[in-house]
Structures are given as structure tokens and as C-alpha cells.
Amino acid sequence: MRRQRNRAKKKKGNLLQLIFPVLLVLTIFITVRNHQESDDEINWENIEPIPREREASLSLTEIREKALHLANRDRANHGLSTLKEHPELSQAAQDYAEELLARDFYDHVTPEGQTPKDRVEHISGMRGVGENLVQQKGNFRVEVNEDLLNKFQQGWMDSPGHRENLLQSNFTYFGYGLAYDDEKGELYAVQKFLIK
């Protein structure tokens, strides 16, 4: 009996060791035509540092291509149409990621009250918008590579509200932004979705 308890404790400890490095703070806000909202949080504060011998950081163009590929892979797995990258939507996502980093806040609504919808109103024909955010803070060297983008995507897919955004059948366009500061050990990624 005692051996069985020790084995169970060992298995539980191993599981915690696997899950612990994969904690991330995510929030979601979806605003579609009827102003539907959803908020979920996942805590990924202590992410495992990426060793220097891993692949080099990706360019912003490569990041966006990979992020779109991951989103479309998950949509295809659920029988949904693919999203198309929208340059203005990606720029809005990039601008917001940079704002989150520069102003050191983390929310879908700015301190001045600007919402995800407000940030894309300039896009003609826009009928609805969704937004997923991810924040990483800690003592780590930021290296943006495919492993990190896969972890972000999996975190969003494992969270019901974020997953709802990714698998929203009405969304047709996709934008992605990412901003980070090695010295501060901070990173913000923004996924934006658009109904047009």
C-alpha cells in the first residue's frame, strides 16, 4: 500500500514538472456585432527559458506567417474555412502589442477606454472583431521561435474563450503582432480576428 502511494506521488510530481513551465497569462475579449464578451485566464508566468543553442528568433514576417499557419491548421481540424492575413489588422495588432509593452499594462481595454473594436474601426467594411492576448514576464531571454509560437497557440486552444475566438466561423481575416524587450524580460503577442 505504501509503495502504491509513493508511486502515485511520483507520477503526480512528474506531471507537475511537465505542466509548471507551461503557464501563461492569457485573456480574451471578443466583440462581434452583438458585442458578445468572453474572458478566460491561463497563468503561464514562469515559462521555461529557451536555451541559446535553439533556433534563432524569427522575423516579424515569419512570425505572422507561422501564426496564421497555426490558426488555420486548428480551424481546418474543425472543418472551418481558413483565415487570410489582413495587413491593416496585423498593423493594429502590432501597434497594440507595442503599446502594451511600452505602457506596461495588460488588458483588452486601454486606461483611456479604447476597445479592440476601436482599434480597427478604420478598416472599411468591418462588422466584428475578436482579440486574443498573451503576456510573458519574468527573468528570461526572449527568443521568438516556432516552439514559442506553438506554445502560445496551444495555450489559446486549451482555453475555452480563446478557442472560441480561433474557431469563430464568421471570422475571415487575421492579424498578428508581437513586441518584446530582452532587458525587461517581457513579451506581448496579439491575435486579431475580423468579420468583414
C-alpha atoms as a PDB file:
ATOM      1  CA  MET A   1       0.000   0.000   0.000  1.00  0.00           C
ATOM      2  CA  ARG A   2       2.806   2.393   0.938  1.00  0.00           C
ATOM      3  CA  ARG A   3       4.585   1.648  -2.376  1.00  0.00           C
ATOM      4  CA  GLN A   4       1.418   2.451  -4.319  1.00  0.00           C
ATOM      5  CA  ARG A   5       1.134   5.830  -2.562  1.00  0.00           C
ATOM      6  CA  ASN A   6       4.789   6.603  -3.293  1.00  0.00           C
ATOM      7  CA  ARG A   7       4.292   5.716  -6.966  1.00  0.00           C
ATOM      8  CA  ALA A   8       1.190   7.907  -7.133  1.00  0.00           C
ATOM      9  CA  LYS A   9       3.116  10.812  -5.556  1.00  0.00           C
ATOM     10  CA  LYS A  10       5.959  10.292  -8.025  1.00  0.00           C
ATOM     11  CA  LYS A  11       3.569  10.325 -11.010  1.00  0.00           C
ATOM     12  CA  LYS A  12       1.857  13.455  -9.697  1.00  0.00           C
ATOM     13  CA  GLY A  13       5.249  15.151  -9.194  1.00  0.00           C
ATOM     14  CA  ASN A  14       6.324  14.264 -12.757  1.00  0.00           C
ATOM     15  CA  LEU A  15       3.082  15.654 -14.156  1.00  0.00           C
ATOM     16  CA  LEU A  16       3.560  18.906 -12.236  1.00  0.00           C
ATOM     17  CA  GLN A  17       7.123  19.185 -13.559  1.00  0.00           C
ATOM     18  CA  LEU A  18       5.784  18.931 -17.127  1.00  0.00           C
ATOM     19  CA  ILE A  19       2.923  21.379 -16.649  1.00  0.00           C
ATOM     20  CA  PHE A  20       4.621  24.014 -14.447  1.00  0.00           C
ATOM     21  CA  PRO A  21       6.849  25.577 -17.171  1.00  0.00           C
ATOM     22  CA  VAL A  22       3.848  25.950 -19.445  1.00  0.00           C
ATOM     23  CA  LEU A  23       1.969  28.648 -17.518  1.00  0.00           C
ATOM     24  CA  LEU A  24       0.867  31.790 -19.398  1.00  0.00           C
ATOM     25  CA  VAL A  25      -1.369  34.697 -18.656  1.00  0.00           C
ATOM     26  CA  LEU A  26      -3.999  34.943 -21.385  1.00  0.00           C
ATOM     27  CA  THR A  27      -7.140  36.939 -21.537  1.00  0.00           C
ATOM     28  CA  ILE A  28      -9.737  37.170 -24.191  1.00  0.00           C
ATOM     29  CA  PHE A  29     -12.191  39.646 -25.351  1.00  0.00           C
ATOM     30  CA  ILE A  30     -14.433  39.063 -28.298  1.00  0.00           C
ATOM     31  CA  THR A  31     -16.582  41.786 -29.685  1.00  0.00           C
ATOM     32  CA  VAL A  32     -18.753  40.804 -32.559  1.00  0.00           C
ATOM     33  CA  ARG A  33     -21.753  42.501 -33.998  1.00  0.00           C
ATOM     34  CA  ASN A  34     -23.821  41.838 -30.867  1.00  0.00           C
ATOM     35  CA  HIS A  35     -20.946  42.898 -28.528  1.00  0.00           C
ATOM     36  CA  GLN A  36     -20.570  39.422 -27.065  1.00  0.00           C
ATOM     37  CA  GLU A  37     -17.751  39.237 -24.486  1.00  0.00           C
ATOM     38  CA  SER A  38     -15.766  36.340 -23.052  1.00  0.00           C
ATOM     39  CA  ASP A  39     -12.827  36.409 -20.618  1.00  0.00           C
ATOM     40  CA  ASP A  40     -10.648  33.426 -19.685  1.00  0.00           C
ATOM     41  CA  GLU A  41      -7.308  33.482 -17.948  1.00  0.00           C
ATOM     42  CA  ILE A  42      -4.460  31.000 -18.039  1.00  0.00           C
ATOM     43  CA  ASN A  43      -1.450  31.666 -15.834  1.00  0.00           C
ATOM     44  CA  TRP A  44       1.854  30.974 -17.620  1.00  0.00           C
ATOM     45  CA  GLU A  45       4.031  33.320 -15.572  1.00  0.00           C
ATOM     46  CA  ASN A  46       7.028  31.014 -15.131  1.00  0.00           C
ATOM     47  CA  ILE A  47       7.916  29.977 -18.647  1.00  0.00           C
ATOM     48  CA  GLU A  48      10.994  27.849 -19.132  1.00  0.00           C
ATOM     49  CA  PRO A  49      13.883  29.902 -20.577  1.00  0.00           C
ATOM     50  CA  ILE A  50      14.870  28.908 -24.101  1.00  0.00           C
ATOM     51  CA  PRO A  51      18.500  27.746 -24.277  1.00  0.00           C
ATOM     52  CA  ARG A  52      20.824  29.730 -26.544  1.00  0.00           C
ATOM     53  CA  GLU A  53      21.566  26.724 -28.767  1.00  0.00           C
ATOM     54  CA  ARG A  54      17.967  26.668 -30.029  1.00  0.00           C
ATOM     55  CA  GLU A  55      16.950  28.220 -33.341  1.00  0.00           C
ATOM     56  CA  ALA A  56      17.306  31.968 -33.894  1.00  0.00           C
ATOM     57  CA  SER A  57      14.459  34.416 -33.413  1.00  0.00           C
ATOM     58  CA  LEU A  58      12.072  34.753 -36.320  1.00  0.00           C
ATOM     59  CA  SER A  59      11.457  37.971 -38.243  1.00  0.00           C
ATOM     60  CA  LEU A  60       8.070  39.670 -37.840  1.00  0.00           C
ATOM     61  CA  THR A  61       7.049  38.467 -41.316  1.00  0.00           C
ATOM     62  CA  GLU A  62       7.973  34.877 -40.379  1.00  0.00           C
ATOM     63  CA  ILE A  63       6.141  35.218 -37.047  1.00  0.00           C
ATOM     64  CA  ARG A  64       2.965  36.332 -38.808  1.00  0.00           C
ATOM     65  CA  GLU A  65       3.201  33.561 -41.407  1.00  0.00           C
ATOM     66  CA  LYS A  66       3.707  30.904 -38.731  1.00  0.00           C
ATOM     67  CA  ALA A  67       0.939  32.310 -36.502  1.00  0.00           C
ATOM     68  CA  LEU A  68      -1.504  32.325 -39.433  1.00  0.00           C
ATOM     69  CA  HIS A  69      -0.482  28.776 -40.356  1.00  0.00           C
ATOM     70  CA  LEU A  70      -1.131  27.587 -36.777  1.00  0.00           C
ATOM     71  CA  ALA A  71      -4.520  29.318 -36.589  1.00  0.00           C
ATOM     72  CA  ASN A  72      -5.558  27.882 -39.957  1.00  0.00           C
ATOM     73  CA  ARG A  73      -4.325  24.404 -39.017  1.00  0.00           C
ATOM     74  CA  ASP A  74      -6.566  24.423 -35.949  1.00  0.00           C
ATOM     75  CA  ARG A  75      -9.515  25.808 -37.925  1.00  0.00           C
ATOM     76  CA  ALA A  76      -9.058  23.159 -40.644  1.00  0.00           C
ATOM     77  CA  ASN A  77      -9.006  20.442 -37.964  1.00  0.00           C
ATOM     78  CA  HIS A  78     -12.510  21.625 -37.032  1.00  0.00           C
ATOM     79  CA  GLY A  79     -13.833  21.878 -40.592  1.00  0.00           C
ATOM     80  CA  LEU A  80     -13.653  25.680 -40.750  1.00  0.00           C
ATOM     81  CA  SER A  81     -12.508  27.926 -43.572  1.00  0.00           C
ATOM     82  CA  THR A  82      -9.034  29.415 -43.468  1.00  0.00           C
ATOM     83  CA  LEU A  83      -8.335  32.982 -42.419  1.00  0.00           C
ATOM     84  CA  LYS A  84      -6.494  35.452 -44.617  1.00  0.00           C
ATOM     85  CA  GLU A  85      -3.823  37.776 -43.273  1.00  0.00           C
ATOM     86  CA  HIS A  86      -5.006  41.392 -43.364  1.00  0.00           C
ATOM     87  CA  PRO A  87      -2.161  43.963 -43.384  1.00  0.00           C
ATOM     88  CA  GLU A  88      -4.153  46.673 -41.581  1.00  0.00           C
ATOM     89  CA  LEU A  89      -5.320  44.177 -38.972  1.00  0.00           C
ATOM     90  CA  SER A  90      -1.740  42.976 -38.443  1.00  0.00           C
ATOM     91  CA  GLN A  91      -0.607  46.585 -38.062  1.00  0.00           C
ATOM     92  CA  ALA A  92      -3.341  47.215 -35.477  1.00  0.00           C
ATOM     93  CA  ALA A  93      -2.216  44.065 -33.611  1.00  0.00           C
ATOM     94  CA  GLN A  94       1.427  45.167 -33.786  1.00  0.00           C
ATOM     95  CA  ASP A  95       0.612  48.678 -32.588  1.00  0.00           C
ATOM     96  CA  TYR A  96      -1.308  47.278 -29.630  1.00  0.00           C
ATOM     97  CA  ALA A  97       1.433  44.794 -28.686  1.00  0.00           C
ATOM     98  CA  GLU A  98       3.923  47.679 -28.693  1.00  0.00           C
ATOM     99  CA  GLU A  99       1.557  49.836 -26.630  1.00  0.00           C
ATOM    100  CA  LEU A 100       1.128  47.088 -24.022  1.00  0.00           C
ATOM    101  CA  LEU A 101       4.904  46.756 -23.740  1.00  0.00           C
ATOM    102  CA  ALA A 102       5.623  50.499 -23.643  1.00  0.00           C
ATOM    103  CA  ARG A 103       2.886  51.369 -21.164  1.00  0.00           C
ATOM    104  CA  ASP A 104       3.259  48.249 -19.006  1.00  0.00           C
ATOM    105  CA  PHE A 105      -0.415  47.330 -18.768  1.00  0.00           C
ATOM    106  CA  TYR A 106      -2.247  44.199 -19.855  1.00  0.00           C
ATOM    107  CA  ASP A 107      -5.875  44.439 -20.818  1.00  0.00           C
ATOM    108  CA  HIS A 108      -8.102  44.480 -23.871  1.00  0.00           C
ATOM    109  CA  VAL A 109      -9.275  47.965 -22.916  1.00  0.00           C
ATOM    110  CA  THR A 110      -6.718  50.772 -22.581  1.00  0.00           C
ATOM    111  CA  PRO A 111      -6.695  53.002 -19.484  1.00  0.00           C
ATOM    112  CA  GLU A 112      -8.421  55.612 -21.691  1.00  0.00           C
ATOM    113  CA  GLY A 113     -11.215  53.167 -22.548  1.00  0.00           C
ATOM    114  CA  GLN A 114     -10.218  52.222 -26.116  1.00  0.00           C
ATOM    115  CA  THR A 115     -11.580  48.758 -27.001  1.00  0.00           C
ATOM    116  CA  PRO A 116     -10.451  46.144 -29.553  1.00  0.00           C
ATOM    117  CA  LYS A 117     -13.210  47.363 -31.859  1.00  0.00           C
ATOM    118  CA  ASP A 118     -11.992  50.975 -31.558  1.00  0.00           C
ATOM    119  CA  ARG A 119      -8.523  49.906 -32.699  1.00  0.00           C
ATOM    120  CA  VAL A 120      -9.817  48.559 -36.024  1.00  0.00           C
ATOM    121  CA  GLU A 121     -12.701  50.907 -36.864  1.00  0.00           C
ATOM    122  CA  HIS A 122     -10.601  52.438 -39.652  1.00  0.00           C
ATOM    123  CA  ILE A 123     -10.821  49.171 -41.624  1.00  0.00           C
ATOM    124  CA  SER A 124     -13.681  49.620 -44.086  1.00  0.00           C
ATOM    125  CA  GLY A 125     -16.410  47.001 -44.073  1.00  0.00           C
ATOM    126  CA  MET A 126     -15.515  45.785 -40.579  1.00  0.00           C
ATOM    127  CA  ARG A 127     -18.515  44.115 -38.896  1.00  0.00           C
ATOM    128  CA  GLY A 128     -16.948  42.429 -35.883  1.00  0.00           C
ATOM    129  CA  VAL A 129     -13.631  41.841 -34.181  1.00  0.00           C
ATOM    130  CA  GLY A 130     -12.057  39.388 -31.762  1.00  0.00           C
ATOM    131  CA  GLU A 131      -8.784  39.652 -29.893  1.00  0.00           C
ATOM    132  CA  ASN A 132      -6.533  37.224 -28.012  1.00  0.00           C
ATOM    133  CA  LEU A 133      -3.641  38.490 -25.903  1.00  0.00           C
ATOM    134  CA  VAL A 134      -0.676  36.798 -24.307  1.00  0.00           C
ATOM    135  CA  GLN A 135       1.803  38.284 -21.855  1.00  0.00           C
ATOM    136  CA  GLN A 136       5.063  36.827 -20.604  1.00  0.00           C
ATOM    137  CA  LYS A 137       7.018  38.433 -17.801  1.00  0.00           C
ATOM    138  CA  GLY A 138       9.982  37.104 -15.949  1.00  0.00           C
ATOM    139  CA  ASN A 139      13.692  36.645 -15.867  1.00  0.00           C
ATOM    140  CA  PHE A 140      14.238  35.056 -19.260  1.00  0.00           C
ATOM    141  CA  ARG A 141      15.863  35.837 -22.570  1.00  0.00           C
ATOM    142  CA  VAL A 142      13.215  36.413 -25.225  1.00  0.00           C
ATOM    143  CA  GLU A 143      13.713  34.225 -28.253  1.00  0.00           C
ATOM    144  CA  VAL A 144      10.798  34.096 -30.631  1.00  0.00           C
ATOM    145  CA  ASN A 145      10.854  30.809 -32.494  1.00  0.00           C
ATOM    146  CA  GLU A 146       8.414  28.151 -33.667  1.00  0.00           C
ATOM    147  CA  ASP A 147       8.394  26.419 -30.269  1.00  0.00           C
ATOM    148  CA  LEU A 148       7.245  29.598 -28.532  1.00  0.00           C
ATOM    149  CA  LEU A 149       4.551  30.325 -31.146  1.00  0.00           C
ATOM    150  CA  ASN A 150       3.329  26.727 -30.823  1.00  0.00           C
ATOM    151  CA  LYS A 151       3.085  27.125 -27.025  1.00  0.00           C
ATOM    152  CA  PHE A 152       1.071  30.327 -27.407  1.00  0.00           C
ATOM    153  CA  GLN A 153      -1.274  28.694 -29.926  1.00  0.00           C
ATOM    154  CA  GLN A 154      -1.736  25.602 -27.750  1.00  0.00           C
ATOM    155  CA  GLY A 155      -2.428  27.795 -24.714  1.00  0.00           C
ATOM    156  CA  TRP A 156      -5.134  29.645 -26.625  1.00  0.00           C
ATOM    157  CA  MET A 157      -6.642  26.394 -27.945  1.00  0.00           C
ATOM    158  CA  ASP A 158      -6.705  24.926 -24.420  1.00  0.00           C
ATOM    159  CA  SER A 159      -8.644  27.936 -23.106  1.00  0.00           C
ATOM    160  CA  PRO A 160     -12.385  27.836 -23.932  1.00  0.00           C
ATOM    161  CA  GLY A 161     -12.826  31.565 -24.601  1.00  0.00           C
ATOM    162  CA  HIS A 162      -9.669  31.906 -26.690  1.00  0.00           C
ATOM    163  CA  ARG A 163     -10.545  28.746 -28.558  1.00  0.00           C
ATOM    164  CA  GLU A 164     -13.960  30.249 -29.311  1.00  0.00           C
ATOM    165  CA  ASN A 165     -12.241  33.223 -30.970  1.00  0.00           C
ATOM    166  CA  LEU A 166      -9.942  30.982 -33.003  1.00  0.00           C
ATOM    167  CA  LEU A 167     -12.808  28.765 -34.112  1.00  0.00           C
ATOM    168  CA  GLN A 168     -15.391  31.511 -34.742  1.00  0.00           C
ATOM    169  CA  SER A 169     -16.778  30.529 -38.151  1.00  0.00           C
ATOM    170  CA  ASN A 170     -17.682  34.118 -39.111  1.00  0.00           C
ATOM    171  CA  PHE A 171     -14.125  35.427 -38.857  1.00  0.00           C
ATOM    172  CA  THR A 172     -12.437  35.814 -42.244  1.00  0.00           C
ATOM    173  CA  TYR A 173      -9.296  37.860 -41.554  1.00  0.00           C
ATOM    174  CA  PHE A 174      -6.361  37.506 -39.182  1.00  0.00           C
ATOM    175  CA  GLY A 175      -3.717  39.857 -37.838  1.00  0.00           C
ATOM    176  CA  TYR A 176      -0.794  39.228 -35.501  1.00  0.00           C
ATOM    177  CA  GLY A 177       1.532  41.478 -33.562  1.00  0.00           C
ATOM    178  CA  LEU A 178       4.364  40.768 -31.168  1.00  0.00           C
ATOM    179  CA  ALA A 179       6.565  43.073 -29.094  1.00  0.00           C
ATOM    180  CA  TYR A 180       9.252  42.183 -26.584  1.00  0.00           C
ATOM    181  CA  ASP A 181      12.056  43.645 -24.520  1.00  0.00           C
ATOM    182  CA  ASP A 182      15.000  41.400 -23.601  1.00  0.00           C
ATOM    183  CA  GLU A 183      16.174  43.702 -20.807  1.00  0.00           C
ATOM    184  CA  LYS A 184      12.786  43.770 -19.080  1.00  0.00           C
ATOM    185  CA  GLY A 185      12.072  40.114 -19.857  1.00  0.00           C
ATOM    186  CA  GLU A 186       8.632  40.975 -21.231  1.00  0.00           C
ATOM    187  CA  LEU A 187       6.728  39.846 -24.290  1.00  0.00           C
ATOM    188  CA  TYR A 188       3.240  40.630 -25.592  1.00  0.00           C
ATOM    189  CA  ALA A 189       1.515  38.892 -28.500  1.00  0.00           C
ATOM    190  CA  VAL A 190      -1.799  39.952 -30.013  1.00  0.00           C
ATOM    191  CA  GLN A 191      -4.025  37.886 -32.295  1.00  0.00           C
ATOM    192  CA  LYS A 192      -6.796  39.834 -34.009  1.00  0.00           C
ATOM    193  CA  PHE A 193      -9.745  38.446 -35.947  1.00  0.00           C
ATOM    194  CA  LEU A 194     -12.134  40.303 -38.213  1.00  0.00           C
ATOM    195  CA  ILE A 195     -15.542  39.769 -39.773  1.00  0.00           C
ATOM    196  CA  LYS A 196     -15.775  41.695 -42.997  1.00  0.00           C
END
